[in-house]
C-alpha atoms as a PDB file:
ATOM      1  CA  UNK A   1       0.000   0.000   0.000  1.00  0.00           C
ATOM      2  CA  UNK A   2       2.978   2.358   0.448  1.00  0.00           C
ATOM      3  CA  UNK A   3       5.506   1.008  -2.066  1.00  0.00           C
ATOM      4  CA  UNK A   4       6.695   3.018  -5.064  1.00  0.00           C
ATOM      5  CA  UNK A   5       7.698   0.035  -7.212  1.00  0.00           C
ATOM      6  CA  UNK A   6       5.944  -3.343  -7.245  1.00  0.00           C
ATOM      7  CA  UNK A   7       7.489  -6.344  -9.013  1.00  0.00           C
ATOM      8  CA  UNK A   8       4.830  -8.991  -9.633  1.00  0.00           C
ATOM      9  CA  UNK A   9       6.588 -12.201 -10.653  1.00  0.00           C
ATOM     10  CA  UNK A  10       4.385 -15.066 -11.851  1.00  0.00           C
ATOM     11  CA  UNK A  11       1.408 -13.580  -9.977  1.00  0.00           C
ATOM     12  CA  UNK A  12      -2.157 -13.335 -11.248  1.00  0.00           C
ATOM     13  CA  UNK A  13      -3.403 -10.530  -8.995  1.00  0.00           C
ATOM     14  CA  UNK A  14      -6.400 -12.471  -7.710  1.00  0.00           C
ATOM     15  CA  UNK A  15      -8.832 -10.743  -5.361  1.00  0.00           C
ATOM     16  CA  UNK A  16      -7.219 -12.274  -2.241  1.00  0.00           C
ATOM     17  CA  UNK A  17      -4.009 -10.430  -3.161  1.00  0.00           C
ATOM     18  CA  UNK A  18      -5.399  -7.087  -4.274  1.00  0.00           C
ATOM     19  CA  UNK A  19      -8.488  -6.546  -2.149  1.00  0.00           C
ATOM     20  CA  UNK A  20     -10.342  -3.560  -3.615  1.00  0.00           C
ATOM     21  CA  UNK A  21      -8.551  -3.100  -6.938  1.00  0.00           C
ATOM     22  CA  UNK A  22      -9.084   0.667  -7.054  1.00  0.00           C
ATOM     23  CA  UNK A  23      -7.090   1.057  -3.813  1.00  0.00           C
ATOM     24  CA  UNK A  24      -4.348  -1.474  -4.614  1.00  0.00           C
ATOM     25  CA  UNK A  25      -0.748  -0.137  -4.541  1.00  0.00           C
ATOM     26  CA  UNK A  26      -1.917   3.426  -5.235  1.00  0.00           C
ATOM     27  CA  UNK A  27       1.576   4.995  -5.290  1.00  0.00           C
ATOM     28  CA  UNK A  28       3.391   2.257  -7.211  1.00  0.00           C
ATOM     29  CA  UNK A  29       4.658   1.706 -10.678  1.00  0.00           C
ATOM     30  CA  UNK A  30       3.851  -1.957 -11.339  1.00  0.00           C
ATOM     31  CA  UNK A  31       6.042  -4.336 -13.327  1.00  0.00           C
ATOM     32  CA  UNK A  32       4.277  -7.600 -14.170  1.00  0.00           C
ATOM     33  CA  UNK A  33       6.326 -10.632 -15.278  1.00  0.00           C
ATOM     34  CA  UNK A  34       4.611 -13.807 -16.467  1.00  0.00           C
ATOM     35  CA  UNK A  35       5.232 -16.565 -18.989  1.00  0.00           C
ATOM     36  CA  UNK A  36       1.595 -16.293 -20.141  1.00  0.00           C
ATOM     37  CA  UNK A  37       0.953 -13.007 -21.987  1.00  0.00           C
ATOM     38  CA  UNK A  38      -2.789 -13.361 -21.306  1.00  0.00           C
ATOM     39  CA  UNK A  39      -2.156 -12.755 -17.591  1.00  0.00           C
ATOM     40  CA  UNK A  40      -0.348  -9.449 -18.084  1.00  0.00           C
ATOM     41  CA  UNK A  41      -2.514  -6.541 -17.012  1.00  0.00           C
ATOM     42  CA  UNK A  42      -5.625  -8.733 -16.892  1.00  0.00           C
ATOM     43  CA  UNK A  43      -6.825  -7.794 -13.402  1.00  0.00           C
ATOM     44  CA  UNK A  44      -4.641  -4.799 -12.490  1.00  0.00           C
ATOM     45  CA  UNK A  45      -3.392  -2.030 -14.768  1.00  0.00           C
ATOM     46  CA  UNK A  46       0.402  -2.247 -14.946  1.00  0.00           C
ATOM     47  CA  UNK A  47       3.119   0.118 -16.131  1.00  0.00           C
ATOM     48  CA  UNK A  48       5.492  -2.465 -17.631  1.00  0.00           C
ATOM     49  CA  UNK A  49       4.559  -5.935 -18.900  1.00  0.00           C
ATOM     50  CA  UNK A  50       7.235  -8.564 -19.498  1.00  0.00           C
ATOM     51  CA  UNK A  51       6.254 -11.870 -21.097  1.00  0.00           C
ATOM     52  CA  UNK A  52       8.896 -14.482 -20.457  1.00  0.00           C
ATOM     53  CA  UNK A  53      10.273 -17.289 -18.334  1.00  0.00           C
ATOM     54  CA  UNK A  54      10.717 -15.968 -14.797  1.00  0.00           C
ATOM     55  CA  UNK A  55      14.187 -17.473 -14.385  1.00  0.00           C
ATOM     56  CA  UNK A  56      15.494 -15.772 -17.528  1.00  0.00           C
ATOM     57  CA  UNK A  57      13.846 -12.430 -16.791  1.00  0.00           C
ATOM     58  CA  UNK A  58      14.941 -12.271 -13.148  1.00  0.00           C
ATOM     59  CA  UNK A  59      18.551 -13.180 -14.010  1.00  0.00           C
ATOM     60  CA  UNK A  60      18.584 -10.288 -16.481  1.00  0.00           C
ATOM     61  CA  UNK A  61      16.990  -7.953 -13.919  1.00  0.00           C
ATOM     62  CA  UNK A  62      19.580  -8.798 -11.287  1.00  0.00           C
ATOM     63  CA  UNK A  63      22.360  -7.588 -13.590  1.00  0.00           C
ATOM     64  CA  UNK A  64      20.833  -4.104 -13.534  1.00  0.00           C
ATOM     65  CA  UNK A  65      19.724  -3.748  -9.913  1.00  0.00           C
ATOM     66  CA  UNK A  66      21.566  -1.355  -7.629  1.00  0.00           C
ATOM     67  CA  UNK A  67      21.231  -1.670  -3.853  1.00  0.00           C
ATOM     68  CA  UNK A  68      19.553   1.455  -2.502  1.00  0.00           C
ATOM     69  CA  UNK A  69      18.742   1.036   1.208  1.00  0.00           C
ATOM     70  CA  UNK A  70      16.047   3.163   2.825  1.00  0.00           C
ATOM     71  CA  UNK A  71      16.816   3.264   6.577  1.00  0.00           C
ATOM     72  CA  UNK A  72      13.641   5.201   7.426  1.00  0.00           C
ATOM     73  CA  UNK A  73      11.438   2.572   5.758  1.00  0.00           C
ATOM     74  CA  UNK A  74      13.328  -0.271   7.432  1.00  0.00           C
ATOM     75  CA  UNK A  75      12.853   1.374  10.827  1.00  0.00           C
ATOM     76  CA  UNK A  76       9.133   1.822  10.139  1.00  0.00           C
ATOM     77  CA  UNK A  77       8.777  -1.913   9.405  1.00  0.00           C
ATOM     78  CA  UNK A  78      10.675  -2.800  12.591  1.00  0.00           C
ATOM     79  CA  UNK A  79       8.311  -0.549  14.555  1.00  0.00           C
ATOM     80  CA  UNK A  80       5.250  -2.248  13.033  1.00  0.00           C
ATOM     81  CA  UNK A  81       6.616  -5.667  13.968  1.00  0.00           C
ATOM     82  CA  UNK A  82       7.109  -4.458  17.541  1.00  0.00           C
ATOM     83  CA  UNK A  83       3.696  -2.766  17.831  1.00  0.00           C
ATOM     84  CA  UNK A  84       1.665  -5.441  16.028  1.00  0.00           C
ATOM     85  CA  UNK A  85       3.304  -8.834  16.675  1.00  0.00           C
ATOM     86  CA  UNK A  86       1.571 -12.011  15.593  1.00  0.00           C
ATOM     87  CA  UNK A  87       0.230 -13.435  18.821  1.00  0.00           C
ATOM     88  CA  UNK A  88      -2.339 -16.028  19.802  1.00  0.00           C
ATOM     89  CA  UNK A  89      -4.740 -15.631  22.687  1.00  0.00           C
ATOM     90  CA  UNK A  90      -3.180 -17.364  25.668  1.00  0.00           C
ATOM     91  CA  UNK A  91      -6.252 -16.945  27.883  1.00  0.00           C
ATOM     92  CA  UNK A  92      -8.926 -19.456  28.761  1.00  0.00           C
ATOM     93  CA  UNK A  93     -10.186 -21.963  26.216  1.00  0.00           C
ATOM     94  CA  UNK A  94      -8.987 -25.023  24.408  1.00  0.00           C
ATOM     95  CA  UNK A  95      -5.692 -25.846  22.747  1.00  0.00           C
ATOM     96  CA  UNK A  96      -4.549 -23.211  20.254  1.00  0.00           C
ATOM     97  CA  UNK A  97      -3.499 -24.142  16.718  1.00  0.00           C
ATOM     98  CA  UNK A  98      -0.732 -21.538  16.851  1.00  0.00           C
ATOM     99  CA  UNK A  99       0.738 -23.375  19.839  1.00  0.00           C
ATOM    100  CA  UNK A 100       0.714 -26.658  17.913  1.00  0.00           C
ATOM    101  CA  UNK A 101       2.532 -25.098  14.965  1.00  0.00           C
ATOM    102  CA  UNK A 102       5.127 -23.415  17.144  1.00  0.00           C
ATOM    103  CA  UNK A 103       5.793 -26.710  18.930  1.00  0.00           C
ATOM    104  CA  UNK A 104       6.289 -28.495  15.597  1.00  0.00           C
ATOM    105  CA  UNK A 105       8.669 -25.747  14.463  1.00  0.00           C
ATOM    106  CA  UNK A 106      10.604 -25.919  17.728  1.00  0.00           C
ATOM    107  CA  UNK A 107      10.915 -29.703  17.532  1.00  0.00           C
ATOM    108  CA  UNK A 108      12.170 -29.590  13.932  1.00  0.00           C
ATOM    109  CA  UNK A 109      14.542 -26.634  14.377  1.00  0.00           C
ATOM    110  CA  UNK A 110      17.686 -28.785  14.448  1.00  0.00           C
ATOM    111  CA  UNK A 111      16.467 -31.432  11.973  1.00  0.00           C
ATOM    112  CA  UNK A 112      16.217 -31.606   8.176  1.00  0.00           C
ATOM    113  CA  UNK A 113      12.512 -31.226   7.443  1.00  0.00           C
ATOM    114  CA  UNK A 114       9.824 -30.315   4.894  1.00  0.00           C
ATOM    115  CA  UNK A 115       6.343 -29.066   5.711  1.00  0.00           C
ATOM    116  CA  UNK A 116       3.304 -29.235   3.462  1.00  0.00           C
ATOM    117  CA  UNK A 117      -0.154 -27.831   4.150  1.00  0.00           C
ATOM    118  CA  UNK A 118      -3.706 -28.322   3.094  1.00  0.00           C
ATOM    119  CA  UNK A 119      -5.852 -25.222   2.400  1.00  0.00           C
ATOM    120  CA  UNK A 120      -7.636 -22.876   4.773  1.00  0.00           C
ATOM    121  CA  UNK A 121      -6.836 -21.765   8.290  1.00  0.00           C
ATOM    122  CA  UNK A 122      -4.179 -24.492   8.668  1.00  0.00           C
ATOM    123  CA  UNK A 123      -2.289 -23.081   5.671  1.00  0.00           C
ATOM    124  CA  UNK A 124      -2.435 -19.495   6.929  1.00  0.00           C
ATOM    125  CA  UNK A 125      -1.431 -20.318  10.500  1.00  0.00           C
ATOM    126  CA  UNK A 126       1.539 -22.294   9.155  1.00  0.00           C
ATOM    127  CA  UNK A 127       2.650 -19.381   6.974  1.00  0.00           C
ATOM    128  CA  UNK A 128       2.353 -17.027   9.952  1.00  0.00           C
ATOM    129  CA  UNK A 129       3.777 -19.054  12.824  1.00  0.00           C
ATOM    130  CA  UNK A 130       6.321 -21.460  11.318  1.00  0.00           C
ATOM    131  CA  UNK A 131       9.731 -19.721  10.936  1.00  0.00           C
ATOM    132  CA  UNK A 132      10.936 -21.187   7.639  1.00  0.00           C
ATOM    133  CA  UNK A 133      14.585 -20.427   6.925  1.00  0.00           C
ATOM    134  CA  UNK A 134      15.460 -22.914   4.172  1.00  0.00           C
ATOM    135  CA  UNK A 135      14.321 -22.766   0.522  1.00  0.00           C
ATOM    136  CA  UNK A 136      11.729 -25.348  -0.587  1.00  0.00           C
ATOM    137  CA  UNK A 137      10.949 -26.450   2.954  1.00  0.00           C
ATOM    138  CA  UNK A 138       7.373 -25.064   2.763  1.00  0.00           C
ATOM    139  CA  UNK A 139       5.245 -26.816   0.131  1.00  0.00           C
ATOM    140  CA  UNK A 140       1.730 -25.416  -0.267  1.00  0.00           C
ATOM    141  CA  UNK A 141      -0.776 -24.983  -3.088  1.00  0.00           C
ATOM    142  CA  UNK A 142      -0.769 -21.197  -2.667  1.00  0.00           C
ATOM    143  CA  UNK A 143      -3.431 -19.295  -4.566  1.00  0.00           C
ATOM    144  CA  UNK A 144      -4.747 -22.441  -6.234  1.00  0.00           C
ATOM    145  CA  UNK A 145      -6.588 -23.129  -2.987  1.00  0.00           C
ATOM    146  CA  UNK A 146      -6.663 -26.888  -3.435  1.00  0.00           C
ATOM    147  CA  UNK A 147      -8.155 -28.659  -0.417  1.00  0.00           C
ATOM    148  CA  UNK A 148      -6.633 -32.119  -0.136  1.00  0.00           C
ATOM    149  CA  UNK A 149      -3.288 -31.035  -1.592  1.00  0.00           C
ATOM    150  CA  UNK A 150      -1.129 -31.414   1.487  1.00  0.00           C
ATOM    151  CA  UNK A 151      -1.270 -35.136   2.204  1.00  0.00           C
ATOM    152  CA  UNK A 152      -0.396 -36.424  -1.288  1.00  0.00           C
ATOM    153  CA  UNK A 153       2.232 -33.683  -1.499  1.00  0.00           C
ATOM    154  CA  UNK A 154       3.734 -34.879   1.787  1.00  0.00           C
ATOM    155  CA  UNK A 155       3.840 -38.447   0.494  1.00  0.00           C
ATOM    156  CA  UNK A 156       5.698 -37.276  -2.616  1.00  0.00           C
ATOM    157  CA  UNK A 157       8.071 -35.150  -0.559  1.00  0.00           C
ATOM    158  CA  UNK A 158       8.814 -38.048   1.801  1.00  0.00           C
ATOM    159  CA  UNK A 159       9.549 -40.339  -1.152  1.00  0.00           C
ATOM    160  CA  UNK A 160      11.922 -37.734  -2.590  1.00  0.00           C
ATOM    161  CA  UNK A 161      13.524 -36.890   0.778  1.00  0.00           C
ATOM    162  CA  UNK A 162      13.598 -40.171   2.743  1.00  0.00           C
ATOM    163  CA  UNK A 163      16.060 -38.871   5.338  1.00  0.00           C
ATOM    164  CA  UNK A 164      14.012 -35.806   6.273  1.00  0.00           C
ATOM    165  CA  UNK A 165      11.110 -35.383   8.693  1.00  0.00           C
ATOM    166  CA  UNK A 166       7.943 -34.531   6.744  1.00  0.00           C
ATOM    167  CA  UNK A 167       4.820 -32.944   8.244  1.00  0.00           C
ATOM    168  CA  UNK A 168       1.506 -32.193   6.591  1.00  0.00           C
ATOM    169  CA  UNK A 169      -0.246 -29.509   8.650  1.00  0.00           C
ATOM    170  CA  UNK A 170      -3.900 -30.168   7.868  1.00  0.00           C
ATOM    171  CA  UNK A 171      -7.422 -29.169   8.693  1.00  0.00           C
ATOM    172  CA  UNK A 172     -10.018 -31.779   9.563  1.00  0.00           C
ATOM    173  CA  UNK A 173     -11.927 -30.865   6.398  1.00  0.00           C
ATOM    174  CA  UNK A 174      -9.004 -30.889   3.973  1.00  0.00           C
ATOM    175  CA  UNK A 175      -7.462 -34.142   5.219  1.00  0.00           C
ATOM    176  CA  UNK A 176     -10.655 -36.000   4.327  1.00  0.00           C
ATOM    177  CA  UNK A 177     -10.343 -34.995   0.667  1.00  0.00           C
ATOM    178  CA  UNK A 178      -7.521 -37.499   0.111  1.00  0.00           C
ATOM    179  CA  UNK A 179      -7.498 -39.506   3.333  1.00  0.00           C
ATOM    180  CA  UNK A 180      -7.504 -42.751   1.340  1.00  0.00           C
ATOM    181  CA  UNK A 181      -3.871 -42.044   0.398  1.00  0.00           C
ATOM    182  CA  UNK A 182      -2.991 -43.458   3.807  1.00  0.00           C
ATOM    183  CA  UNK A 183      -2.980 -46.746   1.925  1.00  0.00           C
ATOM    184  CA  UNK A 184      -0.205 -45.395  -0.326  1.00  0.00           C
ATOM    185  CA  UNK A 185       1.871 -44.136   2.591  1.00  0.00           C
ATOM    186  CA  UNK A 186       1.516 -47.453   4.439  1.00  0.00           C
ATOM    187  CA  UNK A 187       2.178 -49.547   1.326  1.00  0.00           C
ATOM    188  CA  UNK A 188       5.426 -47.727   0.541  1.00  0.00           C
ATOM    189  CA  UNK A 189       6.443 -47.421   4.210  1.00  0.00           C
ATOM    190  CA  UNK A 190       6.639 -43.617   4.084  1.00  0.00           C
ATOM    191  CA  UNK A 191       6.626 -42.222   7.658  1.00  0.00           C
ATOM    192  CA  UNK A 192       4.681 -39.041   6.882  1.00  0.00           C
ATOM    193  CA  UNK A 193       3.363 -37.134   9.889  1.00  0.00           C
ATOM    194  CA  UNK A 194      -0.037 -35.444   9.577  1.00  0.00           C
ATOM    195  CA  UNK A 195      -0.892 -32.808  12.180  1.00  0.00           C
ATOM    196  CA  UNK A 196      -4.678 -32.434  11.970  1.00  0.00           C
ATOM    197  CA  UNK A 197      -5.940 -29.158  13.463  1.00  0.00           C
ATOM    198  CA  UNK A 198      -9.314 -30.565  14.419  1.00  0.00           C
ATOM    199  CA  UNK A 199     -12.055 -28.040  15.235  1.00  0.00           C
ATOM    200  CA  UNK A 200     -15.015 -29.868  13.681  1.00  0.00           C
ATOM    201  CA  UNK A 201     -15.446 -27.072  11.154  1.00  0.00           C
ATOM    202  CA  UNK A 202     -14.465 -26.047   7.673  1.00  0.00           C
ATOM    203  CA  UNK A 203     -12.511 -23.386   9.505  1.00  0.00           C
ATOM    204  CA  UNK A 204     -12.080 -20.625   6.960  1.00  0.00           C
ATOM    205  CA  UNK A 205     -15.711 -20.843   5.880  1.00  0.00           C
ATOM    206  CA  UNK A 206     -16.816 -20.777   9.528  1.00  0.00           C
ATOM    207  CA  UNK A 207     -14.642 -17.727  10.152  1.00  0.00           C
ATOM    208  CA  UNK A 208     -16.279 -15.828   7.285  1.00  0.00           C
ATOM    209  CA  UNK A 209     -19.714 -16.858   8.537  1.00  0.00           C
ATOM    210  CA  UNK A 210     -18.852 -15.639  12.039  1.00  0.00           C
ATOM    211  CA  UNK A 211     -17.438 -12.278  10.983  1.00  0.00           C
ATOM    212  CA  UNK A 212     -19.657 -11.354   8.060  1.00  0.00           C
ATOM    213  CA  UNK A 213     -22.862 -13.416   8.391  1.00  0.00           C
ATOM    214  CA  UNK A 214     -23.755 -13.109  12.093  1.00  0.00           C
ATOM    215  CA  UNK A 215     -22.546 -16.627  12.932  1.00  0.00           C
ATOM    216  CA  UNK A 216     -25.023 -18.316  10.588  1.00  0.00           C
ATOM    217  CA  UNK A 217     -23.014 -21.522  10.363  1.00  0.00           C
ATOM    218  CA  UNK A 218     -24.483 -23.012   7.204  1.00  0.00           C
ATOM    219  CA  UNK A 219     -22.920 -26.319   6.089  1.00  0.00           C
ATOM    220  CA  UNK A 220     -19.549 -25.576   7.698  1.00  0.00           C
ATOM    221  CA  UNK A 221     -19.827 -27.793  10.810  1.00  0.00           C
ATOM    222  CA  UNK A 222     -18.352 -31.275  10.426  1.00  0.00           C
ATOM    223  CA  UNK A 223     -19.150 -34.640  11.988  1.00  0.00           C
ATOM    224  CA  UNK A 224     -15.688 -36.145  11.800  1.00  0.00           C
ATOM    225  CA  UNK A 225     -14.625 -39.764  11.948  1.00  0.00           C
ATOM    226  CA  UNK A 226     -12.281 -40.917  14.686  1.00  0.00           C
ATOM    227  CA  UNK A 227      -9.010 -40.070  12.941  1.00  0.00           C
ATOM    228  CA  UNK A 228      -6.980 -42.257  15.306  1.00  0.00           C
ATOM    229  CA  UNK A 229      -9.045 -45.346  14.471  1.00  0.00           C
ATOM    230  CA  UNK A 230      -8.995 -44.466  10.756  1.00  0.00           C
ATOM    231  CA  UNK A 231      -5.196 -44.376  10.834  1.00  0.00           C
ATOM    232  CA  UNK A 232      -5.011 -47.660  12.703  1.00  0.00           C
ATOM    233  CA  UNK A 233      -7.439 -49.294  10.268  1.00  0.00           C
ATOM    234  CA  UNK A 234      -5.022 -48.498   7.426  1.00  0.00           C
ATOM    235  CA  UNK A 235      -2.064 -49.885   9.379  1.00  0.00           C
ATOM    236  CA  UNK A 236      -0.737 -46.453  10.317  1.00  0.00           C
ATOM    237  CA  UNK A 237      -0.417 -44.947  13.790  1.00  0.00           C
ATOM    238  CA  UNK A 238      -2.917 -42.546  15.371  1.00  0.00           C
ATOM    239  CA  UNK A 239      -2.425 -40.212  18.329  1.00  0.00           C
ATOM    240  CA  UNK A 240      -5.071 -37.949  19.848  1.00  0.00           C
ATOM    241  CA  UNK A 241      -3.897 -34.767  21.607  1.00  0.00           C
ATOM    242  CA  UNK A 242      -6.315 -32.758  23.747  1.00  0.00           C
ATOM    243  CA  UNK A 243      -4.079 -30.674  26.033  1.00  0.00           C
ATOM    244  CA  UNK A 244      -1.180 -28.335  25.336  1.00  0.00           C
ATOM    245  CA  UNK A 245       1.051 -30.332  27.697  1.00  0.00           C
ATOM    246  CA  UNK A 246       0.562 -33.391  25.485  1.00  0.00           C
ATOM    247  CA  UNK A 247       1.752 -31.720  22.256  1.00  0.00           C
ATOM    248  CA  UNK A 248       5.504 -32.210  22.589  1.00  0.00           C
ATOM    249  CA  UNK A 249       5.433 -35.862  23.739  1.00  0.00           C
ATOM    250  CA  UNK A 250       3.010 -36.706  20.925  1.00  0.00           C
ATOM    251  CA  UNK A 251       5.228 -35.041  18.325  1.00  0.00           C
ATOM    252  CA  UNK A 252       8.306 -36.870  19.610  1.00  0.00           C
ATOM    253  CA  UNK A 253       6.420 -40.164  19.486  1.00  0.00           C
ATOM    254  CA  UNK A 254       5.338 -39.436  15.910  1.00  0.00           C
ATOM    255  CA  UNK A 255       8.764 -38.650  14.473  1.00  0.00           C
ATOM    256  CA  UNK A 256      10.240 -41.691  16.220  1.00  0.00           C
ATOM    257  CA  UNK A 257       7.733 -43.967  14.477  1.00  0.00           C
ATOM    258  CA  UNK A 258       8.569 -45.857  11.284  1.00  0.00           C
ATOM    259  CA  UNK A 259       4.910 -45.668  10.241  1.00  0.00           C
ATOM    260  CA  UNK A 260       2.759 -42.849   8.865  1.00  0.00           C
ATOM    261  CA  UNK A 261       1.184 -41.026  11.822  1.00  0.00           C
ATOM    262  CA  UNK A 262      -2.060 -39.082  12.171  1.00  0.00           C
ATOM    263  CA  UNK A 263      -1.887 -36.618  15.086  1.00  0.00           C
ATOM    264  CA  UNK A 264      -5.423 -35.480  15.931  1.00  0.00           C
ATOM    265  CA  UNK A 265      -5.066 -32.132  17.728  1.00  0.00           C
ATOM    266  CA  UNK A 266      -8.399 -31.127  19.273  1.00  0.00           C
ATOM    267  CA  UNK A 267      -8.128 -27.341  19.016  1.00  0.00           C
ATOM    268  CA  UNK A 268     -10.257 -24.370  20.086  1.00  0.00           C
ATOM    269  CA  UNK A 269     -13.347 -24.557  17.873  1.00  0.00           C
ATOM    270  CA  UNK A 270     -13.728 -20.873  17.020  1.00  0.00           C
ATOM    271  CA  UNK A 271     -10.133 -19.714  16.704  1.00  0.00           C
ATOM    272  CA  UNK A 272      -9.662 -17.230  13.838  1.00  0.00           C
ATOM    273  CA  UNK A 273      -6.794 -16.336  11.527  1.00  0.00           C
ATOM    274  CA  UNK A 274      -5.898 -12.673  11.905  1.00  0.00           C
ATOM    275  CA  UNK A 275      -5.293 -10.199  10.358  1.00  0.00           C
ATOM    276  CA  UNK A 276      -8.023 -10.576   7.746  1.00  0.00           C
ATOM    277  CA  UNK A 277      -9.225  -8.265   4.978  1.00  0.00           C
ATOM    278  CA  UNK A 278     -13.038  -8.059   4.711  1.00  0.00           C
ATOM    279  CA  UNK A 279     -14.494  -8.812   1.269  1.00  0.00           C
ATOM    280  CA  UNK A 280     -14.443  -5.841  -1.065  1.00  0.00           C
ATOM    281  CA  UNK A 281     -12.158  -3.752   1.150  1.00  0.00           C
ATOM    282  CA  UNK A 282      -8.679  -2.404   0.473  1.00  0.00           C
ATOM    283  CA  UNK A 283      -5.836  -4.538   1.806  1.00  0.00           C
ATOM    284  CA  UNK A 284      -4.874  -1.878   4.372  1.00  0.00           C
ATOM    285  CA  UNK A 285      -8.374  -2.054   5.922  1.00  0.00           C
ATOM    286  CA  UNK A 286      -7.752  -5.262   7.830  1.00  0.00           C
ATOM    287  CA  UNK A 287      -9.447  -6.753  10.855  1.00  0.00           C
ATOM    288  CA  UNK A 288      -7.507  -7.948  13.895  1.00  0.00           C
END
């Protein structure tokens, strides 16, 4: 919202990125790079369009870039981070999904790992609360928004990286899209760990219904199977976690197992992802 130059590389400027288009990057010159010419300037008016392979274009760009630090801007960002830190409510209530994700990150800090996600709140909490520091260690479907992506992706990642710890951070709705792939993981002896953030809702849909539709929870509440028994029926391992004190021991048990593991984390039912931009608003008009 305050930048003077915006480089959009392989992006399609969907509504989740722009918010209200008329208010998007109002002070910026926009350079849009994409291999598909049909995407250039389709949703947002741009100043420079470059059709080409991103690798080739970016390599050429790097030859011409000059470092030009802006200390005042950097200090402003540091101040924002201090004044508005990402924090979860630590008050009364059930187990927090943010706590689960932080515990996974802490456990894996000194290990080679890859993390995949499904789509929805689980994906957003992972992006917010997991401190990724290594390229290609976060595998997610991004703007495609494909529920059910994370588990098959984790199986593929585990096959490609047999010596690394692999976690799929999932929602209880998304995991059921491709839950039958447990048979694949068991058959090929791939010890994938699936952390199910289980709130008995399609969480992102429920959040929208809470905030914008007066809590009219239409078709977003789930009647889930017993994920522990489902895992065991496939020949995998299942662990249910209902208290914060149980998180770490359960995670340690999971990564020590030679089998695929479903960890069923029973989280606070109405926990929201914040900040959030209301529909139709500019991206600097966020809630939370």
